[in-house]
Amino acid sequence: MLATLEGLAAHWPDLATVTVSHHLEELPATTTHALLLRAGAAVSCGNVADALTSATVSDTFGVDVRVNRVDGRWHAIRRRG
């Protein structure tokens, strides 16, 4: 699925797509904006780099995670404490 979405974005750069997931790893590298919801309310939204922070993702899922981006791909790793 990711290869297909990224191929479409390469061929049609103005094409809008919507991806719904609980896993940051499933977001295409071409993702530009994000909306985080918890119990139907927005926790964070906007530019993907501003919306997907460790604090906002931890808040959304109620789990302490560290968010990072490697080679254009997002990852959330649970912090052990």
Protein backbone atom coordinates (compact mmCIF):
# COMPACT_ATOMS: atom_id res chain seq x y z
CA MET A 1 0.00 0.00 0.00
CA LEU A 2 2.77 2.46 0.91
CA ALA A 3 4.61 1.88 -2.36
CA THR A 4 1.40 2.51 -4.29
CA LEU A 5 0.62 5.75 -2.40
CA GLU A 6 4.17 7.00 -2.81
CA GLY A 7 4.10 6.10 -6.52
CA LEU A 8 0.86 8.04 -6.98
CA ALA A 9 2.35 11.04 -5.15
CA ALA A 10 5.43 10.93 -7.39
CA HIS A 11 3.31 10.83 -10.53
CA TRP A 12 0.63 13.31 -9.35
CA PRO A 13 2.25 15.58 -6.71
CA ASP A 14 -0.97 17.56 -6.13
CA LEU A 15 -3.04 14.44 -5.41
CA ALA A 16 -4.58 14.44 -1.92
CA THR A 17 -4.81 11.16 -0.03
CA VAL A 18 -6.13 10.31 3.43
CA THR A 19 -4.55 7.54 5.50
CA VAL A 20 -6.14 6.38 8.75
CA SER A 21 -3.93 4.38 11.09
CA HIS A 22 -2.93 3.81 14.70
CA HIS A 23 0.66 3.15 13.60
CA LEU A 24 2.97 5.97 12.53
CA GLU A 25 5.07 3.48 10.56
CA GLU A 26 2.15 3.09 8.14
CA LEU A 27 2.20 6.75 7.07
CA PRO A 28 3.56 7.35 3.58
CA ALA A 29 6.79 9.35 3.51
CA THR A 30 4.86 11.92 1.45
CA THR A 31 2.53 12.74 4.37
CA THR A 32 2.37 16.52 4.83
CA HIS A 33 -0.36 16.98 7.48
CA ALA A 34 -1.69 14.97 10.40
CA LEU A 35 -4.71 14.97 12.69
CA LEU A 36 -4.55 13.12 16.02
CA LEU A 37 -7.89 12.25 17.63
CA ARG A 38 -8.68 10.96 21.11
CA ALA A 39 -12.29 10.15 22.02
CA GLY A 40 -13.46 12.11 18.98
CA ALA A 41 -11.61 15.29 19.92
CA ALA A 42 -8.57 16.73 18.15
CA VAL A 43 -5.38 16.47 20.20
CA SER A 44 -3.11 17.89 17.51
CA CYS A 45 -3.38 18.86 13.86
CA GLY A 46 -1.42 20.65 11.19
CA ASN A 47 1.94 20.24 9.54
CA VAL A 48 3.08 16.64 10.13
CA ALA A 49 6.32 17.65 11.88
CA ASP A 50 4.40 19.89 14.28
CA ALA A 51 1.49 17.49 14.85
CA LEU A 52 3.47 14.27 15.37
CA THR A 53 5.64 14.99 18.39
CA SER A 54 6.47 12.72 21.29
CA ALA A 55 4.19 14.78 23.53
CA THR A 56 1.16 14.82 21.21
CA VAL A 57 1.36 11.14 20.29
CA SER A 58 1.86 10.18 23.96
CA ASP A 59 -1.14 12.32 24.87
CA THR A 60 -3.29 10.79 22.13
CA PHE A 61 -2.62 7.16 23.04
CA GLY A 62 -2.07 7.56 26.78
CA VAL A 63 1.32 5.85 26.52
CA ASP A 64 4.74 7.47 26.90
CA VAL A 65 6.40 7.20 23.47
CA ARG A 66 9.31 8.77 21.67
CA VAL A 67 8.55 9.82 18.10
CA ASN A 68 11.26 10.14 15.49
CA ARG A 69 11.62 10.25 11.74
CA VAL A 70 14.25 8.24 9.91
CA ASP A 71 14.71 8.46 6.14
CA GLY A 72 11.34 10.20 5.84
CA ARG A 73 9.46 7.49 7.79
CA TRP A 74 7.80 8.11 11.17
CA HIS A 75 8.30 5.80 14.16
CA ALA A 76 6.91 5.72 17.69
CA ILE A 77 8.77 3.72 20.31
CA ARG A 78 7.31 3.11 23.76
CA ARG A 79 9.49 4.45 26.53
CA ARG A 80 10.13 2.08 29.38
CA GLY A 81 9.92 3.63 32.79
